Amino acid sequence: EMCIRDRVCSVDSSDIYHSYDAGWKDFEDGVQYYSALRSGSDYLVTRNSKDFEESAIKVVSTEEACSLL
């Protein structure tokens, strides 16, 4: 089952603060990561997987995500 369950994860202030506090090289990647983590996502979909090498969430490309659908 896809993590997004036919929805897009929301962003809240905790995602912003976690990204800032964690000192991500790319702030927006951090926001995306913490949003996915907080929402209990199974996958994080990105075209830039190298920025998520330490991810606790399985990282997939957009092509991989489309094939999962």
C-alpha atoms as a PDB file:
ATOM      1  CA  GLU A   1       0.000   0.000   0.000  1.00  0.00           C
ATOM      2  CA  MET A   2       1.345   3.436  -0.870  1.00  0.00           C
ATOM      3  CA  CYS A   3       2.034   5.665   2.090  1.00  0.00           C
ATOM      4  CA  ILE A   4       0.130   8.577   0.673  1.00  0.00           C
ATOM      5  CA  ARG A   5      -3.095   6.586   0.542  1.00  0.00           C
ATOM      6  CA  ASP A   6      -4.353   8.874  -2.185  1.00  0.00           C
ATOM      7  CA  ARG A   7      -3.460  12.019  -0.258  1.00  0.00           C
ATOM      8  CA  VAL A   8      -0.672  14.517   0.059  1.00  0.00           C
ATOM      9  CA  CYS A   9       0.982  14.921   3.455  1.00  0.00           C
ATOM     10  CA  SER A  10       0.486  18.271   5.103  1.00  0.00           C
ATOM     11  CA  VAL A  11       3.228  20.455   6.537  1.00  0.00           C
ATOM     12  CA  ASP A  12       2.900  21.952   9.983  1.00  0.00           C
ATOM     13  CA  SER A  13       5.087  24.119  12.168  1.00  0.00           C
ATOM     14  CA  SER A  14       6.797  21.130  13.802  1.00  0.00           C
ATOM     15  CA  ASP A  15       8.142  20.065  10.389  1.00  0.00           C
ATOM     16  CA  ILE A  16       9.581  23.544   9.884  1.00  0.00           C
ATOM     17  CA  TYR A  17      11.218  23.602  13.320  1.00  0.00           C
ATOM     18  CA  HIS A  18      12.605  20.055  13.020  1.00  0.00           C
ATOM     19  CA  SER A  19      14.160  20.845   9.650  1.00  0.00           C
ATOM     20  CA  TYR A  20      15.713  24.028  10.959  1.00  0.00           C
ATOM     21  CA  ASP A  21      16.994  22.416  14.183  1.00  0.00           C
ATOM     22  CA  ALA A  22      18.428  19.406  12.334  1.00  0.00           C
ATOM     23  CA  GLY A  23      20.472  21.695  10.082  1.00  0.00           C
ATOM     24  CA  TRP A  24      19.588  20.041   6.788  1.00  0.00           C
ATOM     25  CA  LYS A  25      21.781  21.156   3.892  1.00  0.00           C
ATOM     26  CA  ASP A  26      18.581  21.774   1.929  1.00  0.00           C
ATOM     27  CA  PHE A  27      15.901  23.187   4.239  1.00  0.00           C
ATOM     28  CA  GLU A  28      13.009  22.171   1.954  1.00  0.00           C
ATOM     29  CA  ASP A  29      14.242  18.558   1.860  1.00  0.00           C
ATOM     30  CA  GLY A  30      14.168  18.571   5.643  1.00  0.00           C
ATOM     31  CA  VAL A  31      10.619  19.896   5.701  1.00  0.00           C
ATOM     32  CA  GLN A  32       9.544  17.191   3.243  1.00  0.00           C
ATOM     33  CA  TYR A  33      11.288  14.509   5.309  1.00  0.00           C
ATOM     34  CA  TYR A  34       9.799  15.556   8.656  1.00  0.00           C
ATOM     35  CA  SER A  35       6.332  15.915   7.152  1.00  0.00           C
ATOM     36  CA  ALA A  36       6.546  12.360   5.787  1.00  0.00           C
ATOM     37  CA  LEU A  37       7.969  11.048   9.060  1.00  0.00           C
ATOM     38  CA  ARG A  38       5.272  12.719  11.184  1.00  0.00           C
ATOM     39  CA  SER A  39       2.465  11.455   8.967  1.00  0.00           C
ATOM     40  CA  GLY A  40       3.657   7.857   9.170  1.00  0.00           C
ATOM     41  CA  SER A  41       4.458   7.606   5.468  1.00  0.00           C
ATOM     42  CA  ASP A  42       5.909   4.393   4.101  1.00  0.00           C
ATOM     43  CA  TYR A  43       7.636   6.123   1.175  1.00  0.00           C
ATOM     44  CA  LEU A  44       9.184   9.473   0.454  1.00  0.00           C
ATOM     45  CA  VAL A  45       8.946  10.374  -3.239  1.00  0.00           C
ATOM     46  CA  THR A  46      11.695  12.570  -4.642  1.00  0.00           C
ATOM     47  CA  ARG A  47      13.816  13.134  -7.717  1.00  0.00           C
ATOM     48  CA  ASN A  48      16.797  13.795  -5.464  1.00  0.00           C
ATOM     49  CA  SER A  49      17.288  10.596  -3.436  1.00  0.00           C
ATOM     50  CA  LYS A  50      20.939  11.347  -2.607  1.00  0.00           C
ATOM     51  CA  ASP A  51      19.777  14.051  -0.176  1.00  0.00           C
ATOM     52  CA  PHE A  52      17.841  11.434   1.809  1.00  0.00           C
ATOM     53  CA  GLU A  53      20.535   8.788   2.293  1.00  0.00           C
ATOM     54  CA  GLU A  54      20.008   8.771   6.077  1.00  0.00           C
ATOM     55  CA  SER A  55      16.223   8.506   5.765  1.00  0.00           C
ATOM     56  CA  ALA A  56      14.276   6.262   8.120  1.00  0.00           C
ATOM     57  CA  ILE A  57      11.604   6.187   5.387  1.00  0.00           C
ATOM     58  CA  LYS A  58      12.022   4.254   2.132  1.00  0.00           C
ATOM     59  CA  VAL A  59      12.959   6.759  -0.578  1.00  0.00           C
ATOM     60  CA  VAL A  60      11.683   6.162  -4.114  1.00  0.00           C
ATOM     61  CA  SER A  61      11.937   8.045  -7.373  1.00  0.00           C
ATOM     62  CA  THR A  62       8.876   9.472  -9.082  1.00  0.00           C
ATOM     63  CA  GLU A  63       9.110   6.651 -11.633  1.00  0.00           C
ATOM     64  CA  GLU A  64       9.182   4.011  -8.876  1.00  0.00           C
ATOM     65  CA  ALA A  65       6.219   5.648  -7.164  1.00  0.00           C
ATOM     66  CA  CYS A  66       4.208   5.621 -10.382  1.00  0.00           C
ATOM     67  CA  SER A  67       4.932   1.922 -10.851  1.00  0.00           C
ATOM     68  CA  LEU A  68       3.724   1.255  -7.286  1.00  0.00           C
ATOM     69  CA  LEU A  69       0.417   2.919  -8.064  1.00  0.00           C
END
